[in-house]
Amino acid sequence: MILGEFGRASNFLEILIFDDASSDRTGQVADELATQDPRVRVFHNSRRLNIGGIYQAGIREARGEHVLLIPGDNEMRVDELLRGAAALDRADVVIFYVTNARAARGIFRWILSGLYVRIVNLFFGTRLRYTNGTNIFRTSILRGIPLRVDGFSYQTEAVVKAVRSGVDYIEVGIKIQGREHGASKALSWRSLQSVVGALVRLWWEVMVTDRRR
């Protein structure tokens, strides 16, 4: 996983690469990149943290003003991310939603994603277009939010907690590109069970525990 962080005023850019106990050459390739570019820092996890755990680790290590995590499936387009980053002048959080999801990811995942967003909005009283994509946060905001989800719902947790805390946010539509290799693990039965469990726990924390406080 690649976690980028930057500061607009200082033109600071840093890339954190996490080798999540990979069994291939991920760690070796990342180390080679770090020797070629001082802006790259590499972390080798002795045990799997999963995508949400990596996100939390990256936030702790981040030295930039803003942060975003880019999954290693090559779906994200750099030009689209840069266009969305321009909106940081107007908000503390940029929430991306995919405008070509049906074509890039297939109709089945497109339907499931739409259902997922409707459930999230119903659970938390939000009116978001998408919550589980790549988003740009001000680092200080993420450090003020207790993040616990280590699975695929990690961004939903961050987005919901940030939005309900009252931060300024803006939604930006972007296009992605289809995966060139492999298949997404997001649609596996195990992942779907994890997502459902994470949503239920998040609802209890946000709508019950936090309200009692």
N, C-alpha and C. Protein backbone atom coordinates (compact mmCIF):
# COMPACT_ATOMS: atom_id res chain seq x y z
N MET A 1 0.84 -1.19 0.00
CA MET A 1 0.00 0.00 0.00
C MET A 1 0.88 1.25 0.00
N ILE A 2 0.43 2.28 -0.67
CA ILE A 2 1.19 3.52 -0.74
C ILE A 2 0.39 4.62 -0.06
N LEU A 3 1.00 5.27 0.89
CA LEU A 3 0.34 6.37 1.57
C LEU A 3 1.11 7.63 1.27
N GLY A 4 0.45 8.57 0.57
CA GLY A 4 1.10 9.82 0.22
C GLY A 4 0.71 10.92 1.18
N GLU A 5 1.63 11.81 1.42
CA GLU A 5 1.34 12.94 2.30
C GLU A 5 2.04 14.16 1.72
N PHE A 6 1.42 15.32 1.94
CA PHE A 6 1.97 16.51 1.33
C PHE A 6 1.49 17.75 2.07
N GLY A 7 2.18 18.86 1.84
CA GLY A 7 1.78 20.15 2.37
C GLY A 7 1.74 21.14 1.22
N ARG A 8 0.61 21.71 0.96
CA ARG A 8 0.45 22.58 -0.21
C ARG A 8 1.31 23.84 -0.09
N ALA A 9 1.36 24.42 1.10
CA ALA A 9 2.10 25.68 1.24
C ALA A 9 3.60 25.48 1.07
N SER A 10 4.14 24.36 1.57
CA SER A 10 5.58 24.15 1.55
C SER A 10 6.04 23.28 0.39
N ASN A 11 5.10 22.84 -0.46
CA ASN A 11 5.42 21.94 -1.57
C ASN A 11 6.08 20.65 -1.08
N PHE A 12 5.74 20.25 0.12
CA PHE A 12 6.28 19.03 0.70
C PHE A 12 5.55 17.82 0.15
N LEU A 13 6.32 16.78 -0.18
CA LEU A 13 5.72 15.54 -0.65
C LEU A 13 6.53 14.37 -0.10
N GLU A 14 5.82 13.40 0.42
CA GLU A 14 6.48 12.19 0.92
C GLU A 14 5.60 10.99 0.60
N ILE A 15 6.21 9.89 0.26
CA ILE A 15 5.50 8.66 -0.05
C ILE A 15 5.93 7.57 0.92
N LEU A 16 4.96 7.03 1.65
CA LEU A 16 5.23 5.94 2.57
C LEU A 16 4.73 4.65 1.93
N ILE A 17 5.62 3.69 1.75
CA ILE A 17 5.26 2.41 1.15
C ILE A 17 5.28 1.34 2.24
N PHE A 18 4.16 0.63 2.37
CA PHE A 18 4.06 -0.42 3.39
C PHE A 18 4.07 -1.79 2.73
N ASP A 19 5.08 -2.57 3.07
CA ASP A 19 5.15 -3.96 2.65
C ASP A 19 4.46 -4.77 3.75
N ASP A 20 3.20 -5.12 3.49
CA ASP A 20 2.37 -5.75 4.52
C ASP A 20 2.62 -7.26 4.59
N ALA A 21 3.83 -7.63 5.04
CA ALA A 21 4.23 -9.03 5.16
C ALA A 21 4.03 -9.77 3.84
N SER A 22 4.40 -9.13 2.75
CA SER A 22 4.21 -9.73 1.43
C SER A 22 5.13 -10.92 1.21
N SER A 23 4.69 -11.84 0.37
CA SER A 23 5.49 -13.02 0.05
C SER A 23 6.17 -12.88 -1.31
N ASP A 24 5.95 -11.76 -1.99
CA ASP A 24 6.59 -11.53 -3.29
C ASP A 24 7.74 -10.54 -3.15
N ARG A 25 8.06 -9.83 -4.21
CA ARG A 25 9.21 -8.91 -4.20
C ARG A 25 8.81 -7.49 -3.83
N THR A 26 7.64 -7.31 -3.24
CA THR A 26 7.17 -5.96 -2.90
C THR A 26 8.18 -5.20 -2.05
N GLY A 27 8.66 -5.84 -0.99
CA GLY A 27 9.60 -5.18 -0.09
C GLY A 27 10.89 -4.80 -0.79
N GLN A 28 11.42 -5.69 -1.61
CA GLN A 28 12.67 -5.42 -2.32
C GLN A 28 12.51 -4.27 -3.30
N VAL A 29 11.42 -4.28 -4.07
CA VAL A 29 11.16 -3.20 -5.03
C VAL A 29 11.00 -1.86 -4.30
N ALA A 30 10.30 -1.88 -3.17
CA ALA A 30 10.10 -0.65 -2.40
C ALA A 30 11.43 -0.10 -1.89
N ASP A 31 12.29 -0.99 -1.40
CA ASP A 31 13.61 -0.55 -0.91
C ASP A 31 14.44 0.06 -2.03
N GLU A 32 14.33 -0.51 -3.22
CA GLU A 32 15.07 0.04 -4.36
C GLU A 32 14.56 1.44 -4.70
N LEU A 33 13.26 1.65 -4.62
CA LEU A 33 12.70 2.98 -4.88
C LEU A 33 13.19 3.99 -3.85
N ALA A 34 13.29 3.54 -2.60
CA ALA A 34 13.73 4.44 -1.53
C ALA A 34 15.17 4.88 -1.71
N THR A 35 16.00 4.02 -2.28
CA THR A 35 17.39 4.40 -2.52
C THR A 35 17.51 5.39 -3.68
N GLN A 36 16.51 5.41 -4.56
CA GLN A 36 16.53 6.29 -5.71
C GLN A 36 15.88 7.64 -5.44
N ASP A 37 15.00 7.70 -4.45
CA ASP A 37 14.25 8.93 -4.18
C ASP A 37 14.14 9.13 -2.67
N PRO A 38 14.73 10.20 -2.14
CA PRO A 38 14.70 10.43 -0.68
C PRO A 38 13.31 10.74 -0.13
N ARG A 39 12.35 11.00 -1.02
CA ARG A 39 10.99 11.27 -0.56
C ARG A 39 10.22 9.99 -0.23
N VAL A 40 10.83 8.85 -0.51
CA VAL A 40 10.18 7.56 -0.27
C VAL A 40 10.69 6.95 1.02
N ARG A 41 9.76 6.57 1.89
CA ARG A 41 10.10 5.82 3.11
C ARG A 41 9.38 4.49 3.06
N VAL A 42 10.06 3.42 3.45
CA VAL A 42 9.52 2.08 3.35
C VAL A 42 9.39 1.46 4.74
N PHE A 43 8.28 0.77 4.95
CA PHE A 43 8.01 0.08 6.22
C PHE A 43 7.70 -1.38 5.91
N HIS A 44 8.38 -2.28 6.61
CA HIS A 44 8.17 -3.72 6.43
C HIS A 44 7.43 -4.26 7.65
N ASN A 45 6.19 -4.65 7.46
CA ASN A 45 5.39 -5.17 8.58
C ASN A 45 5.73 -6.64 8.83
N SER A 46 6.06 -6.95 10.07
CA SER A 46 6.38 -8.33 10.41
C SER A 46 5.13 -9.20 10.42
N ARG A 47 3.98 -8.58 10.61
CA ARG A 47 2.69 -9.27 10.53
C ARG A 47 1.72 -8.38 9.77
N ARG A 48 0.70 -9.01 9.21
CA ARG A 48 -0.25 -8.25 8.40
C ARG A 48 -1.08 -7.29 9.25
N LEU A 49 -1.11 -6.03 8.82
CA LEU A 49 -1.95 -5.03 9.46
C LEU A 49 -3.26 -4.83 8.71
N ASN A 50 -3.31 -5.30 7.47
CA ASN A 50 -4.44 -5.10 6.59
C ASN A 50 -4.55 -3.62 6.21
N ILE A 51 -5.42 -3.31 5.28
CA ILE A 51 -5.43 -1.96 4.71
C ILE A 51 -5.78 -0.89 5.75
N GLY A 52 -6.72 -1.20 6.65
CA GLY A 52 -7.07 -0.21 7.68
C GLY A 52 -5.96 -0.01 8.69
N GLY A 53 -5.27 -1.09 9.06
CA GLY A 53 -4.15 -0.98 9.99
C GLY A 53 -3.00 -0.20 9.40
N ILE A 54 -2.77 -0.39 8.09
CA ILE A 54 -1.73 0.38 7.41
C ILE A 54 -2.08 1.86 7.39
N TYR A 55 -3.35 2.16 7.17
CA TYR A 55 -3.80 3.54 7.17
C TYR A 55 -3.51 4.21 8.51
N GLN A 56 -3.81 3.52 9.59
CA GLN A 56 -3.55 4.06 10.92
C GLN A 56 -2.06 4.24 11.17
N ALA A 57 -1.25 3.27 10.73
CA ALA A 57 0.20 3.37 10.89
C ALA A 57 0.74 4.54 10.07
N GLY A 58 0.21 4.72 8.86
CA GLY A 58 0.66 5.82 8.03
C GLY A 58 0.34 7.18 8.62
N ILE A 59 -0.82 7.29 9.24
CA ILE A 59 -1.20 8.55 9.88
C ILE A 59 -0.23 8.89 11.00
N ARG A 60 0.17 7.88 11.76
CA ARG A 60 1.12 8.11 12.84
C ARG A 60 2.48 8.56 12.31
N GLU A 61 2.88 8.05 11.16
CA GLU A 61 4.19 8.37 10.61
C GLU A 61 4.19 9.63 9.75
N ALA A 62 3.03 10.08 9.33
CA ALA A 62 2.93 11.19 8.38
C ALA A 62 3.55 12.47 8.91
N ARG A 63 4.25 13.16 8.04
CA ARG A 63 4.86 14.45 8.41
C ARG A 63 4.32 15.60 7.57
N GLY A 64 3.37 15.28 6.66
CA GLY A 64 2.80 16.31 5.80
C GLY A 64 1.50 16.86 6.36
N GLU A 65 1.02 17.91 5.74
CA GLU A 65 -0.21 18.58 6.17
C GLU A 65 -1.45 17.78 5.79
N HIS A 66 -1.39 17.08 4.66
CA HIS A 66 -2.50 16.27 4.19
C HIS A 66 -2.01 14.85 3.90
N VAL A 67 -2.95 13.93 3.91
CA VAL A 67 -2.57 12.53 3.72
C VAL A 67 -3.66 11.80 2.92
N LEU A 68 -3.23 10.84 2.10
CA LEU A 68 -4.16 9.95 1.42
C LEU A 68 -3.48 8.61 1.20
N LEU A 69 -4.27 7.54 1.21
CA LEU A 69 -3.76 6.21 0.95
C LEU A 69 -4.18 5.77 -0.44
N ILE A 70 -3.22 5.23 -1.19
CA ILE A 70 -3.50 4.75 -2.54
C ILE A 70 -3.28 3.24 -2.55
N PRO A 71 -4.35 2.44 -2.70
CA PRO A 71 -4.19 0.99 -2.79
C PRO A 71 -3.32 0.60 -3.98
N GLY A 72 -2.67 -0.54 -3.89
CA GLY A 72 -1.74 -0.96 -4.93
C GLY A 72 -2.38 -1.69 -6.08
N ASP A 73 -3.64 -1.41 -6.40
CA ASP A 73 -4.31 -2.10 -7.50
C ASP A 73 -4.30 -1.29 -8.80
N ASN A 74 -3.66 -0.10 -8.76
CA ASN A 74 -3.51 0.76 -9.95
C ASN A 74 -4.84 1.25 -10.53
N GLU A 75 -5.89 1.29 -9.73
CA GLU A 75 -7.15 1.84 -10.21
C GLU A 75 -7.13 3.37 -10.25
N MET A 76 -6.42 3.98 -9.32
CA MET A 76 -6.45 5.44 -9.21
C MET A 76 -5.62 6.09 -10.31
N ARG A 77 -6.16 7.16 -10.88
CA ARG A 77 -5.48 7.95 -11.90
C ARG A 77 -4.87 9.19 -11.25
N VAL A 78 -3.57 9.39 -11.47
CA VAL A 78 -2.87 10.51 -10.85
C VAL A 78 -3.47 11.84 -11.26
N ASP A 79 -3.83 11.97 -12.53
CA ASP A 79 -4.38 13.24 -13.00
C ASP A 79 -5.70 13.57 -12.30
N GLU A 80 -6.51 12.54 -12.02
CA GLU A 80 -7.78 12.77 -11.34
C GLU A 80 -7.56 13.13 -9.87
N LEU A 81 -6.58 12.49 -9.23
CA LEU A 81 -6.27 12.82 -7.84
C LEU A 81 -5.77 14.26 -7.72
N LEU A 82 -4.94 14.68 -8.65
CA LEU A 82 -4.42 16.05 -8.63
C LEU A 82 -5.55 17.06 -8.83
N ARG A 83 -6.48 16.72 -9.71
CA ARG A 83 -7.62 17.62 -9.92
C ARG A 83 -8.44 17.74 -8.64
N GLY A 84 -8.63 16.63 -7.94
CA GLY A 84 -9.37 16.67 -6.68
C GLY A 84 -8.62 17.40 -5.59
N ALA A 85 -7.29 17.28 -5.59
CA ALA A 85 -6.49 17.94 -4.56
C ALA A 85 -6.60 19.46 -4.63
N ALA A 86 -6.93 19.99 -5.80
CA ALA A 86 -7.10 21.44 -5.95
C ALA A 86 -8.24 21.96 -5.08
N ALA A 87 -9.17 21.07 -4.71
CA ALA A 87 -10.32 21.48 -3.89
C ALA A 87 -9.96 21.67 -2.42
N LEU A 88 -8.72 21.34 -2.04
CA LEU A 88 -8.31 21.51 -0.65
C LEU A 88 -8.30 22.96 -0.21
N ASP A 89 -8.31 23.87 -1.17
CA ASP A 89 -8.39 25.29 -0.83
C ASP A 89 -9.75 25.64 -0.22
N ARG A 90 -10.73 24.76 -0.43
CA ARG A 90 -12.09 25.06 0.02
C ARG A 90 -12.58 24.15 1.14
N ALA A 91 -11.80 23.15 1.52
CA ALA A 91 -12.27 22.21 2.55
C ALA A 91 -11.09 21.49 3.20
N ASP A 92 -11.37 20.91 4.36
CA ASP A 92 -10.34 20.15 5.08
C ASP A 92 -10.29 18.69 4.63
N VAL A 93 -11.35 18.23 4.00
CA VAL A 93 -11.42 16.85 3.54
C VAL A 93 -12.00 16.83 2.13
N VAL A 94 -11.35 16.10 1.23
CA VAL A 94 -11.87 15.88 -0.12
C VAL A 94 -12.32 14.43 -0.19
N ILE A 95 -13.62 14.24 -0.40
CA ILE A 95 -14.20 12.90 -0.50
C ILE A 95 -14.45 12.60 -1.97
N PHE A 96 -13.78 11.60 -2.47
CA PHE A 96 -13.91 11.24 -3.88
C PHE A 96 -15.05 10.24 -4.08
N TYR A 97 -15.78 10.39 -5.17
CA TYR A 97 -16.72 9.37 -5.60
C TYR A 97 -16.45 9.06 -7.07
N VAL A 98 -16.62 7.81 -7.45
CA VAL A 98 -16.24 7.34 -8.79
C VAL A 98 -17.39 7.55 -9.76
N THR A 99 -17.12 8.20 -10.87
CA THR A 99 -18.16 8.50 -11.85
C THR A 99 -18.29 7.43 -12.94
N ASN A 100 -17.29 6.57 -13.06
CA ASN A 100 -17.33 5.52 -14.10
C ASN A 100 -17.20 4.13 -13.49
N ALA A 101 -17.75 3.95 -12.29
CA ALA A 101 -17.59 2.69 -11.57
C ALA A 101 -18.19 1.51 -12.32
N ARG A 102 -19.31 1.71 -12.96
CA ARG A 102 -19.97 0.60 -13.66
C ARG A 102 -19.10 0.05 -14.78
N ALA A 103 -18.46 0.95 -15.52
CA ALA A 103 -17.61 0.51 -16.63
C ALA A 103 -16.28 -0.05 -16.15
N ALA A 104 -15.71 0.57 -15.10
CA ALA A 104 -14.37 0.18 -14.65
C ALA A 104 -14.37 -1.03 -13.73
N ARG A 105 -15.46 -1.23 -12.97
CA ARG A 105 -15.47 -2.30 -11.97
C ARG A 105 -16.50 -3.40 -12.24
N GLY A 106 -17.40 -3.17 -13.16
CA GLY A 106 -18.40 -4.18 -13.45
C GLY A 106 -19.71 -3.89 -12.74
N ILE A 107 -20.79 -4.41 -13.30
CA ILE A 107 -22.12 -4.07 -12.81
C ILE A 107 -22.39 -4.62 -11.42
N PHE A 108 -21.87 -5.82 -11.10
CA PHE A 108 -22.16 -6.41 -9.80
C PHE A 108 -21.57 -5.58 -8.67
N ARG A 109 -20.31 -5.19 -8.82
CA ARG A 109 -19.68 -4.37 -7.78
C ARG A 109 -20.31 -2.99 -7.73
N TRP A 110 -20.73 -2.47 -8.91
CA TRP A 110 -21.39 -1.17 -8.96
C TRP A 110 -22.69 -1.20 -8.16
N ILE A 111 -23.45 -2.28 -8.29
CA ILE A 111 -24.70 -2.41 -7.54
C ILE A 111 -24.42 -2.52 -6.05
N LEU A 112 -23.45 -3.35 -5.68
CA LEU A 112 -23.11 -3.51 -4.25
C LEU A 112 -22.62 -2.20 -3.65
N SER A 113 -21.83 -1.45 -4.40
CA SER A 113 -21.32 -0.16 -3.89
C SER A 113 -22.46 0.82 -3.66
N GLY A 114 -23.42 0.84 -4.59
CA GLY A 114 -24.56 1.73 -4.42
C GLY A 114 -25.39 1.35 -3.20
N LEU A 115 -25.58 0.05 -2.99
CA LEU A 115 -26.31 -0.42 -1.81
C LEU A 115 -25.56 -0.07 -0.53
N TYR A 116 -24.25 -0.23 -0.56
CA TYR A 116 -23.43 0.07 0.60
C TYR A 116 -23.57 1.54 1.00
N VAL A 117 -23.50 2.43 0.03
CA VAL A 117 -23.61 3.87 0.32
C VAL A 117 -24.98 4.20 0.91
N ARG A 118 -26.02 3.60 0.38
CA ARG A 118 -27.37 3.85 0.91
C ARG A 118 -27.47 3.38 2.36
N ILE A 119 -26.87 2.26 2.68
CA ILE A 119 -26.89 1.75 4.06
C ILE A 119 -26.14 2.69 4.99
N VAL A 120 -24.97 3.15 4.55
CA VAL A 120 -24.18 4.07 5.36
C VAL A 120 -24.96 5.36 5.64
N ASN A 121 -25.55 5.92 4.60
CA ASN A 121 -26.33 7.16 4.78
C ASN A 121 -27.52 6.95 5.70
N LEU A 122 -28.16 5.79 5.59
CA LEU A 122 -29.29 5.49 6.46
C LEU A 122 -28.84 5.33 7.90
N PHE A 123 -27.74 4.63 8.11
CA PHE A 123 -27.23 4.37 9.46
C PHE A 123 -26.82 5.65 10.18
N PHE A 124 -26.17 6.57 9.45
CA PHE A 124 -25.51 7.69 10.11
C PHE A 124 -26.11 9.05 9.77
N GLY A 125 -27.21 9.07 9.05
CA GLY A 125 -27.87 10.34 8.75
C GLY A 125 -27.06 11.24 7.85
N THR A 126 -26.23 10.67 6.99
CA THR A 126 -25.41 11.45 6.06
C THR A 126 -26.06 11.44 4.67
N ARG A 127 -25.50 12.26 3.78
CA ARG A 127 -25.99 12.31 2.39
C ARG A 127 -24.79 12.28 1.46
N LEU A 128 -23.94 11.29 1.65
CA LEU A 128 -22.70 11.18 0.90
C LEU A 128 -22.90 10.35 -0.37
N ARG A 129 -22.11 10.64 -1.37
CA ARG A 129 -22.19 9.89 -2.63
C ARG A 129 -21.34 8.62 -2.58
N TYR A 130 -20.29 8.63 -1.80
CA TYR A 130 -19.44 7.46 -1.65
C TYR A 130 -18.58 7.67 -0.40
N THR A 131 -18.26 6.59 0.29
CA THR A 131 -17.50 6.75 1.53
C THR A 131 -16.28 5.86 1.61
N ASN A 132 -16.13 4.91 0.70
CA ASN A 132 -15.10 3.90 0.88
C ASN A 132 -14.01 3.96 -0.19
N GLY A 133 -13.78 5.14 -0.72
CA GLY A 133 -12.76 5.29 -1.74
C GLY A 133 -11.50 5.93 -1.19
N THR A 134 -10.67 6.41 -2.09
CA THR A 134 -9.47 7.15 -1.71
C THR A 134 -9.84 8.60 -1.46
N ASN A 135 -9.54 9.09 -0.27
CA ASN A 135 -9.91 10.46 0.11
C ASN A 135 -8.69 11.20 0.65
N ILE A 136 -8.74 12.52 0.60
CA ILE A 136 -7.65 13.34 1.12
C ILE A 136 -8.11 14.03 2.40
N PHE A 137 -7.38 13.81 3.47
CA PHE A 137 -7.70 14.40 4.76
C PHE A 137 -6.57 15.32 5.23
N ARG A 138 -6.94 16.35 5.97
CA ARG A 138 -5.93 17.08 6.72
C ARG A 138 -5.44 16.14 7.82
N THR A 139 -4.14 15.99 7.95
CA THR A 139 -3.56 15.01 8.87
C THR A 139 -4.02 15.24 10.30
N SER A 140 -4.10 16.48 10.72
CA SER A 140 -4.48 16.79 12.10
C SER A 140 -5.90 16.30 12.41
N ILE A 141 -6.77 16.29 11.41
CA ILE A 141 -8.14 15.82 11.62
C ILE A 141 -8.14 14.32 11.88
N LEU A 142 -7.38 13.58 11.10
CA LEU A 142 -7.33 12.13 11.29
C LEU A 142 -6.72 11.77 12.64
N ARG A 143 -5.77 12.55 13.09
CA ARG A 143 -5.14 12.25 14.38
C ARG A 143 -6.07 12.57 15.55
N GLY A 144 -7.11 13.34 15.28
CA GLY A 144 -8.08 13.64 16.33
C GLY A 144 -9.26 12.71 16.33
N ILE A 145 -9.26 11.72 15.43
CA ILE A 145 -10.36 10.78 15.31
C ILE A 145 -9.89 9.39 15.73
N PRO A 146 -10.61 8.72 16.64
CA PRO A 146 -10.23 7.34 16.99
C PRO A 146 -10.58 6.38 15.87
N LEU A 147 -9.57 5.82 15.23
CA LEU A 147 -9.77 4.89 14.13
C LEU A 147 -9.45 3.47 14.59
N ARG A 148 -10.36 2.55 14.33
CA ARG A 148 -10.20 1.19 14.82
C ARG A 148 -10.36 0.12 13.74
N VAL A 149 -11.00 0.44 12.64
CA VAL A 149 -11.30 -0.55 11.60
C VAL A 149 -10.03 -0.89 10.83
N ASP A 150 -9.73 -2.19 10.68
CA ASP A 150 -8.55 -2.59 9.92
C ASP A 150 -8.89 -3.21 8.57
N GLY A 151 -10.19 -3.35 8.27
CA GLY A 151 -10.61 -3.97 7.01
C GLY A 151 -11.01 -2.95 5.96
N PHE A 152 -11.83 -3.39 5.00
CA PHE A 152 -12.16 -2.57 3.85
C PHE A 152 -13.02 -1.35 4.19
N SER A 153 -13.62 -1.30 5.36
CA SER A 153 -14.46 -0.16 5.75
C SER A 153 -13.67 0.94 6.44
N TYR A 154 -12.35 0.89 6.34
CA TYR A 154 -11.52 1.86 7.06
C TYR A 154 -11.81 3.30 6.65
N GLN A 155 -12.09 3.53 5.36
CA GLN A 155 -12.36 4.90 4.93
C GLN A 155 -13.76 5.35 5.32
N THR A 156 -14.69 4.42 5.36
CA THR A 156 -16.03 4.77 5.83
C THR A 156 -15.98 5.27 7.26
N GLU A 157 -15.20 4.60 8.10
CA GLU A 157 -15.06 5.03 9.49
C GLU A 157 -14.50 6.45 9.55
N ALA A 158 -13.43 6.70 8.81
CA ALA A 158 -12.80 8.02 8.82
C ALA A 158 -13.73 9.10 8.30
N VAL A 159 -14.42 8.81 7.18
CA VAL A 159 -15.31 9.80 6.58
C VAL A 159 -16.49 10.10 7.50
N VAL A 160 -17.15 9.06 7.99
CA VAL A 160 -18.33 9.26 8.84
C VAL A 160 -17.96 10.04 10.10
N LYS A 161 -16.90 9.66 10.76
CA LYS A 161 -16.52 10.34 12.00
C LYS A 161 -16.10 11.78 11.74
N ALA A 162 -15.42 12.02 10.63
CA ALA A 162 -15.00 13.38 10.31
C ALA A 162 -16.21 14.25 9.97
N VAL A 163 -17.09 13.74 9.12
CA VAL A 163 -18.27 14.52 8.70
C VAL A 163 -19.17 14.81 9.88
N ARG A 164 -19.41 13.83 10.74
CA ARG A 164 -20.29 14.04 11.88
C ARG A 164 -19.66 14.94 12.94
N SER A 165 -18.33 15.11 12.89
CA SER A 165 -17.67 16.02 13.83
C SER A 165 -17.79 17.48 13.38
N GLY A 166 -18.24 17.67 12.13
CA GLY A 166 -18.49 19.03 11.66
C GLY A 166 -17.40 19.64 10.81
N VAL A 167 -16.46 18.84 10.31
CA VAL A 167 -15.39 19.41 9.49
C VAL A 167 -15.94 19.85 8.13
N ASP A 168 -15.24 20.78 7.49
CA ASP A 168 -15.60 21.20 6.14
C ASP A 168 -15.12 20.14 5.15
N TYR A 169 -16.02 19.69 4.29
CA TYR A 169 -15.63 18.69 3.30
C TYR A 169 -16.27 19.03 1.96
N ILE A 170 -15.69 18.47 0.92
CA ILE A 170 -16.22 18.67 -0.42
C ILE A 170 -16.14 17.33 -1.15
N GLU A 171 -17.14 17.03 -1.96
CA GLU A 171 -17.15 15.79 -2.73
C GLU A 171 -16.74 16.09 -4.17
N VAL A 172 -15.85 15.26 -4.70
CA VAL A 172 -15.33 15.46 -6.05
C VAL A 172 -15.47 14.16 -6.83
N GLY A 173 -16.08 14.21 -7.99
CA GLY A 173 -16.22 13.04 -8.84
C GLY A 173 -14.97 12.81 -9.66
N ILE A 174 -14.50 11.58 -9.68
CA ILE A 174 -13.29 11.24 -10.45
C ILE A 174 -13.53 9.97 -11.26
N LYS A 175 -12.70 9.78 -12.27
CA LYS A 175 -12.72 8.56 -13.05
C LYS A 175 -11.54 7.67 -12.63
N ILE A 176 -11.78 6.37 -12.63
CA ILE A 176 -10.71 5.43 -12.33
C ILE A 176 -10.46 4.58 -13.57
N GLN A 177 -9.40 3.77 -13.51
CA GLN A 177 -9.11 2.86 -14.60
C GLN A 177 -9.25 1.42 -14.12
N GLY A 178 -9.60 0.53 -15.02
CA GLY A 178 -9.77 -0.86 -14.66
C GLY A 178 -8.47 -1.51 -14.23
N ARG A 179 -8.57 -2.51 -13.37
CA ARG A 179 -7.39 -3.24 -12.93
C ARG A 179 -6.78 -4.00 -14.10
N GLU A 180 -5.44 -3.97 -14.16
CA GLU A 180 -4.74 -4.70 -15.22
C GLU A 180 -4.45 -6.14 -14.81
N HIS A 181 -4.30 -6.37 -13.51
CA HIS A 181 -3.95 -7.70 -13.03
C HIS A 181 -4.75 -8.02 -11.77
N GLY A 182 -5.02 -9.30 -11.57
CA GLY A 182 -5.66 -9.75 -10.34
C GLY A 182 -7.11 -9.36 -10.24
N ALA A 183 -7.71 -9.77 -9.13
CA ALA A 183 -9.12 -9.46 -8.86
C ALA A 183 -9.25 -8.89 -7.45
N SER A 184 -10.22 -8.03 -7.27
CA SER A 184 -10.42 -7.40 -5.97
C SER A 184 -10.86 -8.43 -4.93
N LYS A 185 -10.31 -8.30 -3.71
CA LYS A 185 -10.72 -9.16 -2.60
C LYS A 185 -11.93 -8.60 -1.87
N ALA A 186 -12.38 -7.42 -2.30
CA ALA A 186 -13.49 -6.75 -1.60
C ALA A 186 -14.80 -7.53 -1.72
N LEU A 187 -14.91 -8.37 -2.76
CA LEU A 187 -16.17 -9.08 -2.99
C LEU A 187 -16.15 -10.51 -2.44
N SER A 188 -15.09 -10.89 -1.74
CA SER A 188 -15.06 -12.22 -1.16
C SER A 188 -16.03 -12.31 0.02
N TRP A 189 -16.49 -13.51 0.31
CA TRP A 189 -17.44 -13.70 1.40
C TRP A 189 -16.86 -13.24 2.73
N ARG A 190 -15.59 -13.53 2.93
CA ARG A 190 -14.92 -13.12 4.18
C ARG A 190 -14.89 -11.60 4.30
N SER A 191 -14.60 -10.92 3.20
CA SER A 191 -14.55 -9.46 3.22
C SER A 191 -15.92 -8.86 3.47
N LEU A 192 -16.95 -9.44 2.85
CA LEU A 192 -18.31 -8.94 3.06
C LEU A 192 -18.74 -9.11 4.51
N GLN A 193 -18.39 -10.23 5.12
CA GLN A 193 -18.69 -10.43 6.54
C GLN A 193 -17.98 -9.39 7.40
N SER A 194 -16.72 -9.11 7.05
CA SER A 194 -15.94 -8.13 7.80
C SER A 194 -16.56 -6.74 7.68
N VAL A 195 -17.04 -6.39 6.48
CA VAL A 195 -17.65 -5.07 6.24
C VAL A 195 -18.93 -4.92 7.06
N VAL A 196 -19.77 -5.95 7.06
CA VAL A 196 -21.02 -5.90 7.81
C VAL A 196 -20.73 -5.74 9.30
N GLY A 197 -19.79 -6.52 9.82
CA GLY A 197 -19.43 -6.42 11.23
C GLY A 197 -18.88 -5.06 11.59
N ALA A 198 -18.03 -4.51 10.71
CA ALA A 198 -17.44 -3.19 10.96
C ALA A 198 -18.50 -2.10 10.97
N LEU A 199 -19.49 -2.19 10.05
CA LEU A 199 -20.55 -1.19 10.00
C LEU A 199 -21.40 -1.22 11.27
N VAL A 200 -21.71 -2.42 11.73
CA VAL A 200 -22.52 -2.55 12.94
C VAL A 200 -21.78 -1.97 14.14
N ARG A 201 -20.50 -2.28 14.26
CA ARG A 201 -19.71 -1.74 15.38
C ARG A 201 -19.57 -0.23 15.28
N LEU A 202 -19.39 0.26 14.06
CA LEU A 202 -19.27 1.71 13.88
C LEU A 202 -20.57 2.41 14.24
N TRP A 203 -21.70 1.84 13.84
CA TRP A 203 -23.00 2.43 14.20
C TRP A 203 -23.16 2.48 15.71
N TRP A 204 -22.81 1.43 16.40
CA TRP A 204 -22.95 1.40 17.86
C TRP A 204 -22.05 2.45 18.50
N GLU A 205 -20.83 2.58 17.99
CA GLU A 205 -19.89 3.55 18.56
C GLU A 205 -20.37 4.98 18.34
N VAL A 206 -20.76 5.29 17.09
CA VAL A 206 -21.12 6.66 16.73
C VAL A 206 -22.49 7.06 17.25
N MET A 207 -23.48 6.16 17.08
CA MET A 207 -24.86 6.52 17.36
C MET A 207 -25.30 6.20 18.79
N VAL A 208 -24.57 5.34 19.47
CA VAL A 208 -24.96 4.96 20.84
C VAL A 208 -23.91 5.42 21.85
N THR A 209 -22.70 4.90 21.73
CA THR A 209 -21.66 5.21 22.74
C THR A 209 -21.33 6.69 22.77
N ASP A 210 -21.05 7.29 21.60
CA ASP A 210 -20.68 8.71 21.55
C ASP A 210 -21.83 9.61 22.01
N ARG A 211 -23.07 9.24 21.70
CA ARG A 211 -24.21 10.06 22.13
C ARG A 211 -24.36 10.03 23.63
N ARG A 212 -24.07 8.89 24.25
CA ARG A 212 -24.13 8.82 25.70
C ARG A 212 -23.10 9.76 26.34
N ARG A 213 -21.94 9.88 25.69
CA ARG A 213 -20.92 10.76 26.22
C ARG A 213 -21.33 12.22 26.11
